[in-house]
Structures are given as structure tokens and as C-alpha cells.
Amino acid sequence: MYLKNQRGAAPIIEIALIAVVLILAGTAIFNAIKHHDNTLAPAASPSPHLAKSPSPTPAATPSTSPTAVASDGPVVGSLNVTELGIKLPLTKSIKDLVYTYSPKTGADPAQLNFSTQTISTFDDGGVTCDPAHRPLGSYAVYTALQPDPGAADSQAGTLELSLNGYYIYYHHVQSACGNGPAEYNQLTAPINALLTAVQHAQSM
């Protein structure tokens, strides 16, 4: 009887042992596969460090100094116009610039009259090209903006400078000063250089 029961229990024990072995084997295989996959997985890439965009460089501010704006070569000096409290940058064509100032008279505006020492030696039929004859153009001085700007003789002229409460209007020279083409041609550079200097005058 005992041997019969023992024989009946043997298959059950064998099945249980096989099941345990299969479970253990399956667990071992699963762990081995998981470990294998982990070793093959690529390492996580570090987050990229984005470079900061550089702050925009401010646009260069154009210089208004006489050195930067004069069109007749480098500035070699300055001329003080004491009546208006301004100074003009001098370049090679007007390095010996001279002026006279005529105050306002009745309806006529004040005038700045320019020449250079070189031009003043020109003889125009017995009349020298000194500042009083305005060989470099006419510069009228007002203390208010004019309602009639323009190049015509009946107009105030072209506004070239507003500084220290003064408004300077320009009329181009009406006739060349000097005697002959050689002297006339010498006026072009100083006329243009003076106009540039007036446009960029500064307070004294």
C-alpha cells in the first residue's frame, strides 16, 4: 500500500520539479536578454549647450567733427566768427580765410563776407577780391527762419546753418572775381570748401 502511494506521488513531484526548473531557467534567460539589451543601448546624448547670440553692435554714429566732414582734405585750423559765437573748420583751399561782418541795416539782413588772403590779391579791373565784394558767395544772417528760402535774388537763399540762434542763408556768387580764366578757376575749390565749412560750423 505504501509503495503504491509512493509510486503515485512520484510523477507529481517530477512535474513540480520540472516546472520549478523551467521557471528558474526562464527567469535566467529573461535577465540575460535584458542585460544584453542594456549593454547594446546607446548612451544618452547630453543636452546641447546653445551658444548665446551676441548682442547686436550699435550702429556707428556718424561723426560731426570738422575732421570727418570737411571735403577739402584734413582740417588745418579754424576761424572764429566772434559776432555769432561760431567757428569754421579750415581746409587747404581756405586755410587763409578772412571775413568781415556787416550788421543788419533796415530791411537788409546782417552779412558774413568771406575771402582768402590769396584771393584778395586778385585784381578785378582795379577792384580787389576782398571780403566786401563777396567773391565766395553771399551769407545772410537772420535770427529767425525765413519764409522764402530759395536761390533766386528775391529769396532769402539756401539755409546752410542753424546755430546759436542764428540762421545763415547762402546765395551763390553772382559773378566770378578775378581777371581771366586762370583766376576764375581758382575760386571753385574755396567756394565749395567754405560752403562745407559753414554747414559744419560749431559753437566756439
C-alpha atoms as a PDB file:
ATOM      1  CA  MET A   1       0.000   0.000   0.000  1.00  0.00           C
ATOM      2  CA  TYR A   2       2.794   2.355   0.958  1.00  0.00           C
ATOM      3  CA  LEU A   3       4.738   1.538  -2.221  1.00  0.00           C
ATOM      4  CA  LYS A   4       1.665   2.197  -4.332  1.00  0.00           C
ATOM      5  CA  ASN A   5       1.157   5.630  -2.852  1.00  0.00           C
ATOM      6  CA  GLN A   6       4.812   6.379  -3.233  1.00  0.00           C
ATOM      7  CA  ARG A   7       4.684   5.456  -6.898  1.00  0.00           C
ATOM      8  CA  GLY A   8       1.583   7.660  -7.439  1.00  0.00           C
ATOM      9  CA  ALA A   9       3.250  10.679  -5.899  1.00  0.00           C
ATOM     10  CA  ALA A  10       6.434  10.389  -7.940  1.00  0.00           C
ATOM     11  CA  PRO A  11       5.029  11.830 -11.203  1.00  0.00           C
ATOM     12  CA  ILE A  12       3.576  14.809  -9.340  1.00  0.00           C
ATOM     13  CA  ILE A  13       6.916  15.559  -7.725  1.00  0.00           C
ATOM     14  CA  GLU A  14       8.699  15.209 -11.027  1.00  0.00           C
ATOM     15  CA  ILE A  15       6.250  17.612 -12.718  1.00  0.00           C
ATOM     16  CA  ALA A  16       6.706  20.154  -9.903  1.00  0.00           C
ATOM     17  CA  LEU A  17      10.461  19.933 -10.165  1.00  0.00           C
ATOM     18  CA  ILE A  18      10.346  20.369 -13.950  1.00  0.00           C
ATOM     19  CA  ALA A  19       8.078  23.423 -13.515  1.00  0.00           C
ATOM     20  CA  VAL A  20      10.480  24.970 -10.994  1.00  0.00           C
ATOM     21  CA  VAL A  21      13.420  24.300 -13.302  1.00  0.00           C
ATOM     22  CA  LEU A  22      11.582  25.844 -16.241  1.00  0.00           C
ATOM     23  CA  ILE A  23      10.657  28.921 -14.191  1.00  0.00           C
ATOM     24  CA  LEU A  24      14.208  29.379 -12.989  1.00  0.00           C
ATOM     25  CA  ALA A  25      15.570  28.842 -16.477  1.00  0.00           C
ATOM     26  CA  GLY A  26      13.065  31.314 -17.955  1.00  0.00           C
ATOM     27  CA  THR A  27      13.941  33.918 -15.337  1.00  0.00           C
ATOM     28  CA  ALA A  28      17.647  33.457 -16.015  1.00  0.00           C
ATOM     29  CA  ILE A  29      17.150  33.746 -19.784  1.00  0.00           C
ATOM     30  CA  PHE A  30      14.958  36.883 -19.359  1.00  0.00           C
ATOM     31  CA  ASN A  31      17.566  38.558 -17.139  1.00  0.00           C
ATOM     32  CA  ALA A  32      20.335  37.639 -19.552  1.00  0.00           C
ATOM     33  CA  ILE A  33      18.412  39.125 -22.519  1.00  0.00           C
ATOM     34  CA  LYS A  34      17.592  42.317 -20.566  1.00  0.00           C
ATOM     35  CA  HIS A  35      21.234  42.729 -19.552  1.00  0.00           C
ATOM     36  CA  HIS A  36      22.304  42.186 -23.170  1.00  0.00           C
ATOM     37  CA  ASP A  37      19.875  44.827 -24.451  1.00  0.00           C
ATOM     38  CA  ASN A  38      21.066  47.350 -21.873  1.00  0.00           C
ATOM     39  CA  THR A  39      24.674  46.910 -22.901  1.00  0.00           C
ATOM     40  CA  LEU A  40      23.772  47.477 -26.561  1.00  0.00           C
ATOM     41  CA  ALA A  41      21.597  50.561 -25.996  1.00  0.00           C
ATOM     42  CA  PRO A  42      23.429  53.765 -26.984  1.00  0.00           C
ATOM     43  CA  ALA A  43      24.358  56.102 -24.196  1.00  0.00           C
ATOM     44  CA  ALA A  44      22.040  59.079 -23.896  1.00  0.00           C
ATOM     45  CA  SER A  45      23.414  62.169 -25.655  1.00  0.00           C
ATOM     46  CA  PRO A  46      23.991  65.154 -23.384  1.00  0.00           C
ATOM     47  CA  SER A  47      21.756  68.158 -23.965  1.00  0.00           C
ATOM     48  CA  PRO A  48      23.430  70.569 -26.381  1.00  0.00           C
ATOM     49  CA  HIS A  49      24.633  73.874 -24.990  1.00  0.00           C
ATOM     50  CA  LEU A  50      23.289  76.539 -27.326  1.00  0.00           C
ATOM     51  CA  ALA A  51      25.614  79.454 -27.889  1.00  0.00           C
ATOM     52  CA  LYS A  52      24.035  82.761 -26.977  1.00  0.00           C
ATOM     53  CA  SER A  53      23.615  85.124 -29.856  1.00  0.00           C
ATOM     54  CA  PRO A  54      25.952  88.056 -29.421  1.00  0.00           C
ATOM     55  CA  SER A  55      24.295  91.360 -28.658  1.00  0.00           C
ATOM     56  CA  PRO A  56      23.996  93.455 -31.806  1.00  0.00           C
ATOM     57  CA  THR A  57      26.702  96.042 -32.119  1.00  0.00           C
ATOM     58  CA  PRO A  58      25.180  99.528 -32.146  1.00  0.00           C
ATOM     59  CA  ALA A  59      25.447 101.247 -35.471  1.00  0.00           C
ATOM     60  CA  ALA A  60      28.281 103.646 -35.549  1.00  0.00           C
ATOM     61  CA  THR A  61      27.138 107.202 -35.069  1.00  0.00           C
ATOM     62  CA  PRO A  62      28.374 109.436 -37.854  1.00  0.00           C
ATOM     63  CA  SER A  63      30.878 111.951 -36.586  1.00  0.00           C
ATOM     64  CA  THR A  64      30.025 115.608 -36.954  1.00  0.00           C
ATOM     65  CA  SER A  65      33.513 116.816 -36.150  1.00  0.00           C
ATOM     66  CA  PRO A  66      35.139 119.067 -38.749  1.00  0.00           C
ATOM     67  CA  THR A  67      37.805 116.447 -39.399  1.00  0.00           C
ATOM     68  CA  ALA A  68      35.183 113.961 -40.545  1.00  0.00           C
ATOM     69  CA  VAL A  69      33.006 116.258 -42.629  1.00  0.00           C
ATOM     70  CA  ALA A  70      35.369 118.607 -44.392  1.00  0.00           C
ATOM     71  CA  SER A  71      35.569 117.757 -48.111  1.00  0.00           C
ATOM     72  CA  ASP A  72      38.745 119.691 -48.910  1.00  0.00           C
ATOM     73  CA  GLY A  73      41.282 117.491 -47.166  1.00  0.00           C
ATOM     74  CA  PRO A  74      42.140 117.410 -43.465  1.00  0.00           C
ATOM     75  CA  VAL A  75      41.279 120.304 -41.208  1.00  0.00           C
ATOM     76  CA  VAL A  76      44.290 122.562 -40.671  1.00  0.00           C
ATOM     77  CA  GLY A  77      42.775 125.112 -38.307  1.00  0.00           C
ATOM     78  CA  SER A  78      39.651 127.119 -37.567  1.00  0.00           C
ATOM     79  CA  LEU A  79      38.334 130.639 -37.936  1.00  0.00           C
ATOM     80  CA  ASN A  80      36.340 132.178 -35.094  1.00  0.00           C
ATOM     81  CA  VAL A  81      33.385 134.328 -36.081  1.00  0.00           C
ATOM     82  CA  THR A  82      33.103 136.144 -32.787  1.00  0.00           C
ATOM     83  CA  GLU A  83      29.956 138.082 -33.689  1.00  0.00           C
ATOM     84  CA  LEU A  84      27.995 134.811 -33.912  1.00  0.00           C
ATOM     85  CA  GLY A  85      29.984 132.722 -31.446  1.00  0.00           C
ATOM     86  CA  ILE A  86      30.808 130.084 -34.051  1.00  0.00           C
ATOM     87  CA  LYS A  87      33.980 128.648 -35.554  1.00  0.00           C
ATOM     88  CA  LEU A  88      34.562 127.326 -39.052  1.00  0.00           C
ATOM     89  CA  PRO A  89      36.911 124.418 -39.872  1.00  0.00           C
ATOM     90  CA  LEU A  90      39.637 125.441 -42.300  1.00  0.00           C
ATOM     91  CA  THR A  91      40.972 123.152 -45.012  1.00  0.00           C
ATOM     92  CA  LYS A  92      43.671 123.645 -47.620  1.00  0.00           C
ATOM     93  CA  SER A  93      41.614 125.768 -50.035  1.00  0.00           C
ATOM     94  CA  ILE A  94      40.505 128.165 -47.300  1.00  0.00           C
ATOM     95  CA  LYS A  95      43.414 127.882 -44.882  1.00  0.00           C
ATOM     96  CA  ASP A  96      43.894 131.674 -45.064  1.00  0.00           C
ATOM     97  CA  LEU A  97      40.181 132.532 -44.831  1.00  0.00           C
ATOM     98  CA  VAL A  98      39.243 136.035 -43.716  1.00  0.00           C
ATOM     99  CA  TYR A  99      35.866 137.661 -43.153  1.00  0.00           C
ATOM    100  CA  THR A 100      34.030 140.859 -42.335  1.00  0.00           C
ATOM    101  CA  TYR A 101      30.659 141.197 -40.641  1.00  0.00           C
ATOM    102  CA  SER A 102      28.034 143.713 -41.684  1.00  0.00           C
ATOM    103  CA  PRO A 103      25.232 144.238 -39.121  1.00  0.00           C
ATOM    104  CA  LYS A 104      21.578 144.365 -40.111  1.00  0.00           C
ATOM    105  CA  THR A 105      20.605 147.676 -41.684  1.00  0.00           C
ATOM    106  CA  GLY A 106      16.935 148.464 -42.133  1.00  0.00           C
ATOM    107  CA  ALA A 107      15.360 145.663 -44.178  1.00  0.00           C
ATOM    108  CA  ASP A 108      18.748 144.258 -45.153  1.00  0.00           C
ATOM    109  CA  PRO A 109      19.936 141.276 -43.096  1.00  0.00           C
ATOM    110  CA  ALA A 110      23.321 141.032 -41.468  1.00  0.00           C
ATOM    111  CA  GLN A 111      26.006 139.632 -43.769  1.00  0.00           C
ATOM    112  CA  LEU A 112      29.078 137.478 -43.394  1.00  0.00           C
ATOM    113  CA  ASN A 113      31.539 138.389 -46.141  1.00  0.00           C
ATOM    114  CA  PHE A 114      34.362 135.956 -46.870  1.00  0.00           C
ATOM    115  CA  SER A 115      37.515 135.807 -48.938  1.00  0.00           C
ATOM    116  CA  THR A 116      41.010 134.404 -48.550  1.00  0.00           C
ATOM    117  CA  GLN A 117      44.285 136.238 -48.403  1.00  0.00           C
ATOM    118  CA  THR A 118      45.216 134.562 -51.687  1.00  0.00           C
ATOM    119  CA  ILE A 119      42.036 135.590 -53.492  1.00  0.00           C
ATOM    120  CA  SER A 120      42.221 139.099 -52.087  1.00  0.00           C
ATOM    121  CA  THR A 121      45.319 139.719 -54.200  1.00  0.00           C
ATOM    122  CA  PHE A 122      43.370 139.135 -57.414  1.00  0.00           C
ATOM    123  CA  ASP A 123      42.763 142.338 -59.315  1.00  0.00           C
ATOM    124  CA  ASP A 124      39.378 142.553 -60.998  1.00  0.00           C
ATOM    125  CA  GLY A 125      39.814 145.622 -63.179  1.00  0.00           C
ATOM    126  CA  GLY A 126      41.133 147.701 -60.328  1.00  0.00           C
ATOM    127  CA  VAL A 127      38.731 146.190 -57.752  1.00  0.00           C
ATOM    128  CA  THR A 128      40.329 143.644 -55.437  1.00  0.00           C
ATOM    129  CA  CYS A 129      38.537 140.449 -54.481  1.00  0.00           C
ATOM    130  CA  ASP A 130      38.394 141.293 -50.794  1.00  0.00           C
ATOM    131  CA  PRO A 131      35.592 140.147 -48.427  1.00  0.00           C
ATOM    132  CA  ALA A 132      33.485 143.249 -49.086  1.00  0.00           C
ATOM    133  CA  HIS A 133      32.983 142.100 -52.673  1.00  0.00           C
ATOM    134  CA  ARG A 134      31.906 138.614 -51.581  1.00  0.00           C
ATOM    135  CA  PRO A 135      33.986 136.555 -54.018  1.00  0.00           C
ATOM    136  CA  LEU A 136      32.963 133.303 -52.283  1.00  0.00           C
ATOM    137  CA  GLY A 137      29.236 133.944 -52.252  1.00  0.00           C
ATOM    138  CA  SER A 138      26.779 135.774 -50.053  1.00  0.00           C
ATOM    139  CA  TYR A 139      25.977 134.619 -46.495  1.00  0.00           C
ATOM    140  CA  ALA A 140      22.989 136.400 -44.953  1.00  0.00           C
ATOM    141  CA  VAL A 141      22.477 136.096 -41.206  1.00  0.00           C
ATOM    142  CA  TYR A 142      18.987 136.072 -39.664  1.00  0.00           C
ATOM    143  CA  THR A 143      17.699 135.479 -36.162  1.00  0.00           C
ATOM    144  CA  ALA A 144      14.638 133.550 -37.359  1.00  0.00           C
ATOM    145  CA  LEU A 145      13.764 131.088 -40.076  1.00  0.00           C
ATOM    146  CA  GLN A 146      12.801 132.830 -43.302  1.00  0.00           C
ATOM    147  CA  PRO A 147       9.501 132.100 -45.069  1.00  0.00           C
ATOM    148  CA  ASP A 148      11.008 132.478 -48.533  1.00  0.00           C
ATOM    149  CA  PRO A 149      14.105 130.255 -48.837  1.00  0.00           C
ATOM    150  CA  GLY A 150      15.465 129.749 -52.314  1.00  0.00           C
ATOM    151  CA  ALA A 151      18.238 130.613 -54.735  1.00  0.00           C
ATOM    152  CA  ALA A 152      16.522 133.462 -56.558  1.00  0.00           C
ATOM    153  CA  ASP A 153      17.703 137.001 -55.886  1.00  0.00           C
ATOM    154  CA  SER A 154      14.314 137.845 -54.393  1.00  0.00           C
ATOM    155  CA  GLN A 155      14.537 134.936 -51.934  1.00  0.00           C
ATOM    156  CA  ALA A 156      16.429 134.581 -48.685  1.00  0.00           C
ATOM    157  CA  GLY A 157      18.844 131.963 -50.023  1.00  0.00           C
ATOM    158  CA  THR A 158      19.500 128.355 -49.070  1.00  0.00           C
ATOM    159  CA  LEU A 159      19.599 127.622 -45.343  1.00  0.00           C
ATOM    160  CA  GLU A 160      23.051 126.224 -44.599  1.00  0.00           C
ATOM    161  CA  LEU A 161      23.383 126.547 -40.824  1.00  0.00           C
ATOM    162  CA  SER A 162      21.222 126.974 -37.731  1.00  0.00           C
ATOM    163  CA  LEU A 163      23.367 127.549 -34.646  1.00  0.00           C
ATOM    164  CA  ASN A 164      23.377 129.737 -31.537  1.00  0.00           C
ATOM    165  CA  GLY A 165      20.055 131.273 -32.519  1.00  0.00           C
ATOM    166  CA  TYR A 166      21.328 132.358 -35.952  1.00  0.00           C
ATOM    167  CA  TYR A 167      20.199 131.156 -39.375  1.00  0.00           C
ATOM    168  CA  ILE A 168      22.700 131.524 -42.184  1.00  0.00           C
ATOM    169  CA  TYR A 169      21.389 131.558 -45.759  1.00  0.00           C
ATOM    170  CA  TYR A 170      23.609 131.230 -48.805  1.00  0.00           C
ATOM    171  CA  HIS A 171      23.473 132.755 -52.288  1.00  0.00           C
ATOM    172  CA  HIS A 172      25.990 131.590 -54.860  1.00  0.00           C
ATOM    173  CA  VAL A 173      28.444 134.164 -56.119  1.00  0.00           C
ATOM    174  CA  GLN A 174      26.823 136.128 -58.937  1.00  0.00           C
ATOM    175  CA  SER A 175      29.944 136.802 -60.969  1.00  0.00           C
ATOM    176  CA  ALA A 176      33.475 135.472 -60.823  1.00  0.00           C
ATOM    177  CA  CYS A 177      36.043 137.644 -59.148  1.00  0.00           C
ATOM    178  CA  GLY A 178      39.460 137.968 -60.739  1.00  0.00           C
ATOM    179  CA  ASN A 179      40.964 138.786 -64.058  1.00  0.00           C
ATOM    180  CA  GLY A 180      40.741 135.962 -66.562  1.00  0.00           C
ATOM    181  CA  PRO A 181      40.027 132.211 -66.547  1.00  0.00           C
ATOM    182  CA  ALA A 182      43.159 131.319 -64.587  1.00  0.00           C
ATOM    183  CA  GLU A 183      41.948 133.292 -61.574  1.00  0.00           C
ATOM    184  CA  TYR A 184      38.304 132.342 -62.067  1.00  0.00           C
ATOM    185  CA  ASN A 185      39.227 128.649 -61.870  1.00  0.00           C
ATOM    186  CA  GLN A 186      40.983 129.208 -58.564  1.00  0.00           C
ATOM    187  CA  LEU A 187      37.677 130.207 -56.968  1.00  0.00           C
ATOM    188  CA  THR A 188      35.834 126.900 -57.376  1.00  0.00           C
ATOM    189  CA  ALA A 189      37.644 124.978 -54.631  1.00  0.00           C
ATOM    190  CA  PRO A 190      37.429 127.706 -51.953  1.00  0.00           C
ATOM    191  CA  ILE A 191      33.752 128.389 -52.761  1.00  0.00           C
ATOM    192  CA  ASN A 192      32.892 124.724 -52.173  1.00  0.00           C
ATOM    193  CA  ALA A 193      35.190 124.377 -49.173  1.00  0.00           C
ATOM    194  CA  LEU A 194      33.685 127.433 -47.486  1.00  0.00           C
ATOM    195  CA  LEU A 195      30.153 126.166 -48.043  1.00  0.00           C
ATOM    196  CA  THR A 196      31.095 122.860 -46.402  1.00  0.00           C
ATOM    197  CA  ALA A 197      32.765 124.694 -43.528  1.00  0.00           C
ATOM    198  CA  VAL A 198      29.683 126.830 -42.872  1.00  0.00           C
ATOM    199  CA  GLN A 199      27.435 123.758 -42.931  1.00  0.00           C
ATOM    200  CA  HIS A 200      29.570 122.152 -40.225  1.00  0.00           C
ATOM    201  CA  ALA A 201      30.379 125.148 -38.081  1.00  0.00           C
ATOM    202  CA  GLN A 202      30.431 124.620 -34.332  1.00  0.00           C
ATOM    203  CA  SER A 203      29.949 126.829 -31.315  1.00  0.00           C
ATOM    204  CA  MET A 204      33.116 128.455 -30.043  1.00  0.00           C
END
